[in-house]
């Protein structure tokens, strides 16, 4: 089985994309933090320079410029911030009169106020964040701080941020590969099962643990349900094919023998033989017509014409149509409809479906009840019933249709086979064995259920159909 390359895997690309988005988000957050930290540190340096400069200016204004030398000397020897502070008294040409650093190179200051200035301090050139002013005597007073500590902090933060982004990117790639392997491992079971199914083994199923509830487990269960249905359909096709071949062999052989016998028979016998052959062929045509009708229903194409069907009205029409037939057989036919429109549900019993298909299916059920419902020489007694069943637990609301007779019923072993094509529980009765198969196809098309049970005495056919939900109206 061909394996998907990592970069061609949708899971890998999606995981890597989300990982890159996460890395980008982390980078943006770190950049914001970096700018905030740099801003705070520079504000502290600026406040320190401004405060010290203001004190020295006030001292010079109070005691004179000559006393400023002593104050600067005192600040350089007080032991407070001596490793970072910069204090300079410069000549107009930029030479140091007194201070703890020298401008590199010595020059006239053309820019006053807050600025960054390169100075030589303790034998090293450093960048200082300083405040420069022009004194009344023409000299310059420069006060600030060495930025080496801040630069170290900025470099440390930049290296740490780069490491974090690199680790996040590495985790994104590793996570994408791991996620891809996990998805591939889960998908491999599905792909291998489907490959065996494609090879013809329809009994294969995707292994799923009962406690698993994730997306792959749900998908696997849906595929298993589809495979189960597909296997049932294929088994049904094989069964139908075998049954058709078996059922056609007898009439075709009979037709062939009659035609051969008619070759040597008198003309009058030939006409009779042709009539019998025509009847045999007509019966075969009926069988094929029913099979085609079942196939059309099972295709699902008729579902597009579904609409609300009033089940009570439909049963009323069936009762009016078949009651005279039942009475001719010496039996009776009763109709039981909901007396209260809110019987279990609000409103009448309305199912979603096709009226003609449901009428045809119910007609098949009623005709079976007429054919097999007689008992002890008494005509069939048939009951047609419809009612609405409210939702209960996991069961949704539905419309129940019940057709019951007082006949001999069906052997319990045959109940599960009644809806199979060509199956006939009573071989002595004429028929094709396709009536209940067509009913099952119609019920499945409507998303309903068809059930059979013996009522002792009698036999009942229960049809459950989904309720047609009323249209919803949005509030104006």
Protein backbone atom coordinates (compact mmCIF):
# COMPACT_ATOMS: atom_id res chain seq x y z
CA UNK A 1 0.00 0.00 0.00
CA UNK A 2 1.47 3.34 -1.06
CA UNK A 3 2.46 5.68 1.74
CA UNK A 4 1.93 9.45 1.66
CA UNK A 5 5.04 11.63 1.85
CA UNK A 6 5.04 13.93 4.91
CA UNK A 7 4.81 17.19 2.96
CA UNK A 8 1.98 15.78 0.86
CA UNK A 9 -0.02 14.83 3.92
CA UNK A 10 -2.92 17.15 4.71
CA UNK A 11 -2.56 16.40 8.44
CA UNK A 12 1.15 17.34 8.31
CA UNK A 13 0.47 20.57 6.42
CA UNK A 14 -2.36 21.60 8.73
CA UNK A 15 -0.39 20.83 11.90
CA UNK A 16 2.68 22.63 10.55
CA UNK A 17 0.57 25.64 9.54
CA UNK A 18 -0.96 25.93 13.00
CA UNK A 19 2.48 25.43 14.53
CA UNK A 20 3.93 28.24 12.42
CA UNK A 21 1.02 30.46 13.42
CA UNK A 22 1.83 29.66 17.06
CA UNK A 23 5.51 30.47 16.50
CA UNK A 24 4.57 33.75 14.84
CA UNK A 25 2.31 34.60 17.77
CA UNK A 26 5.08 33.82 20.25
CA UNK A 27 7.50 35.98 18.24
CA UNK A 28 5.07 38.90 18.22
CA UNK A 29 4.48 38.60 21.98
CA UNK A 30 8.22 38.47 22.67
CA UNK A 31 8.81 41.48 20.42
CA UNK A 32 6.18 43.44 22.33
CA UNK A 33 7.80 42.45 25.63
CA UNK A 34 11.22 43.43 24.28
CA UNK A 35 10.04 46.86 23.23
CA UNK A 36 8.29 47.38 26.55
CA UNK A 37 11.37 46.35 28.55
CA UNK A 38 13.67 48.55 26.46
CA UNK A 39 11.27 51.44 26.84
CA UNK A 40 11.07 51.04 30.62
CA UNK A 41 14.85 50.83 31.02
CA UNK A 42 15.42 53.89 28.85
CA UNK A 43 12.76 55.83 30.74
CA UNK A 44 14.55 55.02 34.00
CA UNK A 45 17.86 56.21 32.55
CA UNK A 46 16.24 59.37 31.22
CA UNK A 47 14.58 60.09 34.58
CA UNK A 48 17.86 59.56 36.42
CA UNK A 49 19.76 61.87 34.04
CA UNK A 50 17.05 64.54 34.22
CA UNK A 51 16.88 64.41 38.02
CA UNK A 52 20.65 64.59 38.53
CA UNK A 53 21.02 67.37 36.00
CA UNK A 54 18.26 69.38 37.67
CA UNK A 55 19.94 69.00 41.08
CA UNK A 56 23.30 70.14 39.72
CA UNK A 57 21.74 73.10 37.91
CA UNK A 58 19.89 74.15 41.06
CA UNK A 59 23.10 73.79 43.08
CA UNK A 60 25.03 75.92 40.59
CA UNK A 61 22.32 78.56 40.57
CA UNK A 62 22.34 78.67 44.38
CA UNK A 63 26.06 78.47 45.13
CA UNK A 64 27.64 79.59 41.87
CA UNK A 65 29.31 77.79 39.02
CA UNK A 66 32.61 77.57 40.88
CA UNK A 67 30.99 75.48 43.61
CA UNK A 68 29.75 73.04 40.96
CA UNK A 69 33.23 71.48 40.77
CA UNK A 70 33.08 70.40 44.40
CA UNK A 71 29.57 68.97 44.01
CA UNK A 72 30.58 66.96 40.96
CA UNK A 73 33.64 65.64 42.79
CA UNK A 74 31.43 64.68 45.74
CA UNK A 75 29.00 62.79 43.49
CA UNK A 76 31.84 60.86 41.87
CA UNK A 77 33.14 59.75 45.31
CA UNK A 78 29.83 59.08 47.13
CA UNK A 79 29.74 55.40 46.06
CA UNK A 80 26.18 55.64 44.67
CA UNK A 81 25.85 54.36 41.08
CA UNK A 82 29.57 54.97 40.57
CA UNK A 83 29.81 51.98 38.23
CA UNK A 84 27.20 53.35 35.81
CA UNK A 85 26.80 57.11 36.28
CA UNK A 86 28.43 59.59 33.90
CA UNK A 87 29.09 63.18 35.08
CA UNK A 88 31.08 65.61 32.90
CA UNK A 89 31.83 69.29 32.95
CA UNK A 90 33.18 70.16 29.50
CA UNK A 91 34.81 73.14 27.89
CA UNK A 92 33.13 74.61 24.80
CA UNK A 93 35.60 72.54 22.72
CA UNK A 94 34.57 69.32 24.45
CA UNK A 95 37.51 68.77 26.78
CA UNK A 96 36.81 67.45 30.26
CA UNK A 97 37.23 69.96 33.10
CA UNK A 98 36.06 67.54 35.76
CA UNK A 99 34.23 64.24 35.48
CA UNK A 100 34.59 60.47 35.33
CA UNK A 101 34.77 60.11 31.51
CA UNK A 102 35.96 61.80 28.30
CA UNK A 103 34.13 62.37 25.04
CA UNK A 104 35.48 60.24 22.21
CA UNK A 105 36.58 62.11 20.14
CA UNK A 106 36.70 65.46 21.94
CA UNK A 107 34.49 67.91 20.07
CA UNK A 108 31.97 70.70 20.52
CA UNK A 109 28.52 69.40 21.36
CA UNK A 110 26.10 70.43 18.66
CA UNK A 111 23.08 68.64 20.14
CA UNK A 112 21.79 69.33 23.62
CA UNK A 113 19.05 67.61 25.63
CA UNK A 114 18.66 63.85 25.89
CA UNK A 115 20.97 61.92 23.61
CA UNK A 116 23.31 58.95 23.32
CA UNK A 117 27.00 59.83 23.53
CA UNK A 118 30.15 57.71 23.13
CA UNK A 119 32.60 58.33 26.00
CA UNK A 120 35.76 56.75 27.33
CA UNK A 121 35.26 55.51 30.87
CA UNK A 122 37.61 53.37 32.93
CA UNK A 123 39.77 52.84 29.86
CA UNK A 124 36.89 51.58 27.69
CA UNK A 125 34.66 53.24 25.14
CA UNK A 126 31.04 52.95 26.15
CA UNK A 127 27.77 54.43 25.00
CA UNK A 128 25.99 56.57 27.56
CA UNK A 129 22.44 57.84 27.74
CA UNK A 130 23.02 61.45 28.84
CA UNK A 131 21.35 64.84 29.24
CA UNK A 132 23.50 67.80 28.08
CA UNK A 133 22.94 71.52 28.86
CA UNK A 134 24.90 74.74 28.27
CA UNK A 135 25.84 76.56 31.47
CA UNK A 136 25.91 80.35 31.76
CA UNK A 137 29.74 80.38 31.70
CA UNK A 138 29.80 78.64 28.29
CA UNK A 139 30.76 75.23 29.58
CA UNK A 140 28.67 72.08 29.08
CA UNK A 141 27.23 69.94 31.84
CA UNK A 142 26.61 66.32 30.85
CA UNK A 143 24.87 63.86 33.21
CA UNK A 144 23.70 60.33 32.42
CA UNK A 145 24.34 56.61 32.77
CA UNK A 146 26.43 53.92 31.16
CA UNK A 147 24.20 51.75 28.91
CA UNK A 148 26.28 48.58 29.20
CA UNK A 149 23.85 47.01 31.67
CA UNK A 150 20.88 47.81 29.49
CA UNK A 151 22.65 46.54 26.38
CA UNK A 152 23.49 43.31 28.24
CA UNK A 153 19.86 42.90 29.27
CA UNK A 154 18.68 43.56 25.71
CA UNK A 155 21.18 41.06 24.30
CA UNK A 156 20.18 38.46 26.88
CA UNK A 157 16.49 38.96 26.13
CA UNK A 158 17.15 38.80 22.38
CA UNK A 159 19.09 35.53 22.72
CA UNK A 160 16.45 34.04 25.00
CA UNK A 161 13.68 35.10 22.60
CA UNK A 162 15.55 33.61 19.65
CA UNK A 163 15.96 30.36 21.57
CA UNK A 164 12.25 30.31 22.47
CA UNK A 165 11.23 30.91 18.84
CA UNK A 166 13.66 28.21 17.67
CA UNK A 167 12.33 25.71 20.23
CA UNK A 168 8.73 26.59 19.32
CA UNK A 169 9.51 26.10 15.63
CA UNK A 170 11.19 22.77 16.37
CA UNK A 171 8.20 21.70 18.46
CA UNK A 172 5.87 22.74 15.62
CA UNK A 173 7.78 20.56 13.15
CA UNK A 174 7.99 17.62 15.60
CA UNK A 175 4.32 18.06 16.48
CA UNK A 176 3.34 18.13 12.80
CA UNK A 177 5.30 14.93 12.15
CA UNK A 178 3.82 13.24 15.24
CA UNK A 179 0.30 14.36 14.34
CA UNK A 180 0.78 13.14 10.80
CA UNK A 181 1.97 9.74 12.05
CA UNK A 182 -0.97 9.50 14.44
CA UNK A 183 -3.47 10.34 11.70
CA UNK A 184 -1.71 8.02 9.27
CA UNK A 185 -1.81 5.20 11.81
CA UNK A 186 -5.53 5.71 12.39
CA UNK A 187 -6.21 6.03 8.67
CA UNK A 188 -4.08 2.99 7.84
CA UNK A 189 -6.63 0.64 9.42
CA UNK A 190 -9.40 2.22 7.34
CA UNK A 191 -7.34 2.13 4.14
CA UNK A 192 -6.24 -1.49 4.62
CA UNK A 193 -9.80 -2.58 5.34
CA UNK A 194 -11.14 -0.73 2.30
CA UNK A 195 -8.38 -2.29 0.15
CA UNK A 196 -9.48 -5.77 1.22
CA UNK A 197 -13.10 -4.82 0.58
CA UNK A 198 -12.15 -3.52 -2.87
CA UNK A 199 -10.48 -6.88 -3.49
CA UNK A 200 -13.85 -8.54 -2.91
CA UNK A 201 -13.86 -9.45 0.78
CA UNK A 202 -17.05 -7.70 1.88
CA UNK A 203 -16.92 -9.34 5.33
CA UNK A 204 -14.02 -7.10 6.41
CA UNK A 205 -14.73 -4.48 9.10
CA UNK A 206 -12.63 -1.69 10.55
CA UNK A 207 -11.58 -2.58 14.12
CA UNK A 208 -13.08 -0.06 16.57
CA UNK A 209 -12.98 -0.13 20.37
CA UNK A 210 -16.35 0.37 22.00
CA UNK A 211 -15.02 3.10 24.31
CA UNK A 212 -13.58 5.17 21.45
CA UNK A 213 -15.63 8.27 20.68
CA UNK A 214 -13.30 10.37 18.53
CA UNK A 215 -13.83 11.40 14.90
CA UNK A 216 -12.00 8.38 13.48
CA UNK A 217 -14.06 6.03 15.63
CA UNK A 218 -17.30 7.63 14.45
CA UNK A 219 -16.10 7.51 10.84
CA UNK A 220 -15.09 3.87 11.23
CA UNK A 221 -18.49 2.97 12.65
CA UNK A 222 -20.22 4.76 9.77
CA UNK A 223 -18.04 2.93 7.25
CA UNK A 224 -18.73 -0.38 9.02
CA UNK A 225 -22.46 0.34 8.82
CA UNK A 226 -22.08 1.10 5.12
CA UNK A 227 -20.11 -2.12 4.59
CA UNK A 228 -22.74 -4.05 6.52
CA UNK A 229 -25.44 -2.61 4.30
CA UNK A 230 -23.32 -3.23 1.20
CA UNK A 231 -22.79 -6.85 2.19
CA UNK A 232 -26.51 -7.26 2.77
CA UNK A 233 -27.23 -5.75 -0.64
CA UNK A 234 -24.69 -7.98 -2.37
CA UNK A 235 -25.98 -11.04 -0.52
CA UNK A 236 -29.45 -9.99 -1.58
CA UNK A 237 -28.30 -9.60 -5.18
CA UNK A 238 -26.73 -13.05 -5.12
CA UNK A 239 -29.83 -14.48 -3.49
CA UNK A 240 -32.08 -12.77 -6.02
CA UNK A 241 -29.90 -13.91 -8.90
CA UNK A 242 -29.92 -17.50 -7.68
CA UNK A 243 -33.64 -17.39 -6.96
CA UNK A 244 -34.45 -15.84 -10.34
CA UNK A 245 -32.38 -18.50 -12.08
CA UNK A 246 -34.09 -21.23 -10.05
CA UNK A 247 -37.60 -19.81 -10.50
CA UNK A 248 -37.13 -19.15 -14.21
CA UNK A 249 -35.73 -22.58 -14.96
CA UNK A 250 -38.99 -24.35 -14.18
CA UNK A 251 -41.34 -22.15 -16.26
CA UNK A 252 -38.80 -21.84 -19.09
CA UNK A 253 -38.36 -25.62 -19.16
CA UNK A 254 -42.13 -26.04 -19.11
CA UNK A 255 -42.53 -23.56 -21.96
CA UNK A 256 -39.82 -25.29 -23.99
CA UNK A 257 -41.36 -28.72 -23.49
CA UNK A 258 -44.82 -27.45 -24.44
CA UNK A 259 -43.51 -25.80 -27.58
CA UNK A 260 -41.66 -28.95 -28.61
CA UNK A 261 -44.73 -31.04 -27.92
CA UNK A 262 -46.85 -28.62 -29.95
CA UNK A 263 -44.71 -29.21 -33.03
CA UNK A 264 -46.26 -32.66 -33.48
CA UNK A 265 -49.70 -31.81 -32.06
CA UNK A 266 -52.85 -30.98 -34.05
CA UNK A 267 -53.60 -27.36 -34.79
CA UNK A 268 -56.27 -27.11 -32.08
CA UNK A 269 -53.81 -28.39 -29.45
CA UNK A 270 -51.20 -25.95 -30.72
CA UNK A 271 -53.54 -23.02 -30.07
CA UNK A 272 -54.18 -24.23 -26.53
CA UNK A 273 -50.45 -24.68 -26.00
CA UNK A 274 -49.78 -21.15 -27.27
CA UNK A 275 -52.35 -19.78 -24.83
CA UNK A 276 -50.66 -21.59 -21.96
CA UNK A 277 -47.26 -20.38 -23.11
CA UNK A 278 -48.57 -16.81 -23.35
CA UNK A 279 -49.89 -17.04 -19.79
CA UNK A 280 -46.52 -18.35 -18.58
CA UNK A 281 -44.67 -15.49 -20.33
CA UNK A 282 -47.12 -12.94 -18.92
CA UNK A 283 -46.47 -14.24 -15.41
CA UNK A 284 -42.76 -13.91 -16.02
CA UNK A 285 -43.33 -10.34 -17.18
CA UNK A 286 -45.18 -9.58 -13.94
CA UNK A 287 -42.25 -10.93 -11.95
CA UNK A 288 -39.78 -8.75 -13.83
CA UNK A 289 -42.03 -5.71 -13.53
CA UNK A 290 -42.15 -6.15 -9.77
CA UNK A 291 -38.38 -6.60 -9.60
CA UNK A 292 -37.87 -3.41 -11.62
CA UNK A 293 -40.31 -1.56 -9.36
CA UNK A 294 -38.41 -2.72 -6.27
CA UNK A 295 -35.09 -1.66 -7.84
CA UNK A 296 -36.50 1.78 -8.66
CA UNK A 297 -37.69 2.24 -5.08
CA UNK A 298 -34.37 1.07 -3.61
CA UNK A 299 -32.45 3.51 -5.82
CA UNK A 300 -33.82 6.39 -3.71
CA UNK A 301 -34.62 8.57 -6.73
CA UNK A 302 -38.29 8.81 -5.69
CA UNK A 303 -37.38 10.42 -2.36
CA UNK A 304 -37.21 13.85 -4.00
CA UNK A 305 -41.01 13.92 -4.38
CA UNK A 306 -41.70 13.35 -0.67
CA UNK A 307 -44.37 15.49 0.97
CA UNK A 308 -46.68 15.36 3.98
CA UNK A 309 -49.05 12.36 3.80
CA UNK A 310 -52.21 12.17 5.89
CA UNK A 311 -52.05 8.52 7.01
CA UNK A 312 -55.60 8.52 8.35
CA UNK A 313 -57.01 9.67 5.02
CA UNK A 314 -54.90 7.06 3.21
CA UNK A 315 -56.20 4.23 5.42
CA UNK A 316 -59.75 5.49 4.96
CA UNK A 317 -59.39 5.18 1.16
CA UNK A 318 -57.92 1.68 1.50
CA UNK A 319 -60.78 0.67 3.77
CA UNK A 320 -63.37 1.92 1.28
CA UNK A 321 -61.58 0.09 -1.55
CA UNK A 322 -61.03 -3.30 0.08
CA UNK A 323 -63.99 -3.63 2.45
CA UNK A 324 -66.34 -4.91 -0.31
CA UNK A 325 -63.69 -7.47 -1.34
CA UNK A 326 -63.35 -8.70 2.25
CA UNK A 327 -67.11 -8.92 2.67
CA UNK A 328 -67.37 -11.02 -0.49
CA UNK A 329 -64.91 -13.42 1.14
CA UNK A 330 -67.25 -13.65 4.13
CA UNK A 331 -65.08 -11.55 6.41
CA UNK A 332 -65.00 -8.08 7.92
CA UNK A 333 -62.69 -5.09 7.85
CA UNK A 334 -62.47 -2.57 10.69
CA UNK A 335 -60.76 0.81 10.71
CA UNK A 336 -59.33 2.39 13.85
CA UNK A 337 -58.08 5.97 13.57
CA UNK A 338 -57.00 8.42 16.31
CA UNK A 339 -60.11 9.94 17.81
CA UNK A 340 -58.13 12.81 19.31
CA UNK A 341 -55.75 14.74 17.03
CA UNK A 342 -53.37 15.07 20.00
CA UNK A 343 -53.07 11.32 20.51
CA UNK A 344 -49.44 11.19 21.47
CA UNK A 345 -48.58 14.15 19.23
CA UNK A 346 -50.14 17.51 18.52
CA UNK A 347 -51.94 17.52 15.20
CA UNK A 348 -53.01 14.65 12.88
CA UNK A 349 -50.88 11.61 12.00
CA UNK A 350 -48.87 12.99 9.13
CA UNK A 351 -45.89 11.11 7.69
CA UNK A 352 -43.27 12.33 5.27
CA UNK A 353 -43.34 10.32 2.08
CA UNK A 354 -44.92 9.56 -1.26
CA UNK A 355 -48.67 8.89 -1.20
CA UNK A 356 -48.69 6.52 -4.18
CA UNK A 357 -45.80 4.41 -2.88
CA UNK A 358 -47.31 4.14 0.60
CA UNK A 359 -50.71 3.28 -0.86
CA UNK A 360 -49.13 0.55 -3.02
CA UNK A 361 -47.24 -0.90 -0.05
CA UNK A 362 -50.31 -0.90 2.20
CA UNK A 363 -52.37 -2.46 -0.58
CA UNK A 364 -49.86 -5.34 -0.75
CA UNK A 365 -50.15 -5.86 3.01
CA UNK A 366 -53.98 -5.77 2.91
CA UNK A 367 -54.10 -8.20 -0.04
CA UNK A 368 -51.84 -10.59 1.89
CA UNK A 369 -54.19 -10.32 4.87
CA UNK A 370 -57.16 -11.12 2.61
CA UNK A 371 -55.30 -14.07 1.05
CA UNK A 372 -53.95 -15.62 4.26
CA UNK A 373 -56.29 -14.22 6.94
CA UNK A 374 -59.10 -16.76 6.63
CA UNK A 375 -59.38 -19.32 9.44
CA UNK A 376 -61.56 -22.42 9.94
CA UNK A 377 -63.64 -21.62 6.90
CA UNK A 378 -64.44 -18.11 8.15
CA UNK A 379 -63.50 -15.15 6.00
CA UNK A 380 -60.66 -12.86 7.07
CA UNK A 381 -61.25 -10.36 9.84
CA UNK A 382 -58.89 -7.48 9.24
CA UNK A 383 -58.18 -4.41 11.35
CA UNK A 384 -56.52 -1.30 9.94
CA UNK A 385 -55.09 0.96 12.62
CA UNK A 386 -53.10 4.19 12.65
CA UNK A 387 -51.81 6.19 15.58
CA UNK A 388 -49.12 8.71 16.43
CA UNK A 389 -46.34 7.69 18.82
CA UNK A 390 -44.54 10.38 20.78
CA UNK A 391 -40.76 10.46 21.12
CA UNK A 392 -39.48 8.31 23.98
CA UNK A 393 -35.82 8.07 24.94
CA UNK A 394 -33.71 7.56 21.83
CA UNK A 395 -36.78 6.74 19.71
CA UNK A 396 -38.06 9.64 17.61
CA UNK A 397 -41.71 10.46 17.11
CA UNK A 398 -43.32 8.30 14.42
CA UNK A 399 -46.59 7.22 12.81
CA UNK A 400 -47.57 3.59 13.41
CA UNK A 401 -49.67 1.69 10.86
CA UNK A 402 -50.92 -1.74 11.92
CA UNK A 403 -52.62 -4.31 9.66
CA UNK A 404 -53.85 -7.31 11.66
CA UNK A 405 -55.82 -10.44 10.73
CA UNK A 406 -57.09 -13.56 12.50
CA UNK A 407 -55.34 -16.07 10.24
CA UNK A 408 -53.05 -18.94 11.11
CA UNK A 409 -49.97 -16.74 11.23
CA UNK A 410 -46.46 -17.66 10.17
CA UNK A 411 -43.91 -20.02 11.68
CA UNK A 412 -41.55 -18.11 13.98
CA UNK A 413 -38.54 -19.31 12.00
CA UNK A 414 -39.97 -17.71 8.84
CA UNK A 415 -40.70 -14.24 10.27
CA UNK A 416 -37.21 -12.90 9.51
CA UNK A 417 -37.43 -14.08 5.87
CA UNK A 418 -40.85 -12.71 4.96
CA UNK A 419 -39.44 -9.59 3.27
CA UNK A 420 -36.88 -11.51 1.20
CA UNK A 421 -37.47 -11.67 -2.52
CA UNK A 422 -39.25 -14.82 -3.74
CA UNK A 423 -39.73 -16.17 -0.21
CA UNK A 424 -43.20 -17.64 0.36
CA UNK A 425 -44.15 -18.97 3.78
CA UNK A 426 -47.08 -20.93 2.32
CA UNK A 427 -45.98 -22.61 -0.89
CA UNK A 428 -49.45 -23.95 -1.61
CA UNK A 429 -50.76 -20.44 -2.24
CA UNK A 430 -50.14 -18.85 -5.64
CA UNK A 431 -47.84 -15.84 -5.78
CA UNK A 432 -44.43 -14.51 -6.73
CA UNK A 433 -42.98 -13.89 -3.27
CA UNK A 434 -42.26 -10.26 -4.12
CA UNK A 435 -45.13 -8.48 -2.37
CA UNK A 436 -43.59 -8.01 1.07
CA UNK A 437 -40.18 -7.42 -0.52
CA UNK A 438 -41.63 -4.39 -2.31
CA UNK A 439 -43.24 -3.26 0.97
CA UNK A 440 -39.84 -3.48 2.69
CA UNK A 441 -38.24 -1.42 -0.10
CA UNK A 442 -40.89 1.31 0.23
CA UNK A 443 -40.59 1.43 4.03
CA UNK A 444 -36.79 1.65 3.87
CA UNK A 445 -37.06 4.42 1.29
CA UNK A 446 -39.16 6.37 3.79
CA UNK A 447 -36.66 5.75 6.61
CA UNK A 448 -39.17 3.60 8.47
CA UNK A 449 -39.32 0.09 9.92
CA UNK A 450 -41.28 -3.00 8.88
CA UNK A 451 -41.99 -5.62 11.53
CA UNK A 452 -43.97 -8.88 11.58
CA UNK A 453 -45.36 -10.75 14.55
CA UNK A 454 -47.83 -13.48 15.37
CA UNK A 455 -50.68 -12.28 17.59
CA UNK A 456 -52.08 -15.74 18.50
CA UNK A 457 -54.47 -15.95 16.92
CA UNK A 458 -53.65 -13.98 13.85
CA UNK A 459 -50.81 -12.10 12.26
CA UNK A 460 -49.86 -8.43 12.38
CA UNK A 461 -47.76 -6.21 10.12
CA UNK A 462 -46.44 -3.06 11.76
CA UNK A 463 -45.07 -0.12 9.76
CA UNK A 464 -43.37 2.78 11.53
CA UNK A 465 -42.86 5.97 9.50
CA UNK A 466 -41.10 9.22 10.46
CA UNK A 467 -43.40 12.11 11.32
CA UNK A 468 -43.54 15.05 8.90
CA UNK A 469 -42.36 17.99 11.01
CA UNK A 470 -44.34 21.22 10.61
CA UNK A 471 -42.50 24.12 8.92
CA UNK A 472 -40.82 26.55 11.29
CA UNK A 473 -41.54 30.27 11.03
CA UNK A 474 -38.97 32.82 12.10
CA UNK A 475 -40.17 35.61 14.35
CA UNK A 476 -40.82 38.88 12.61
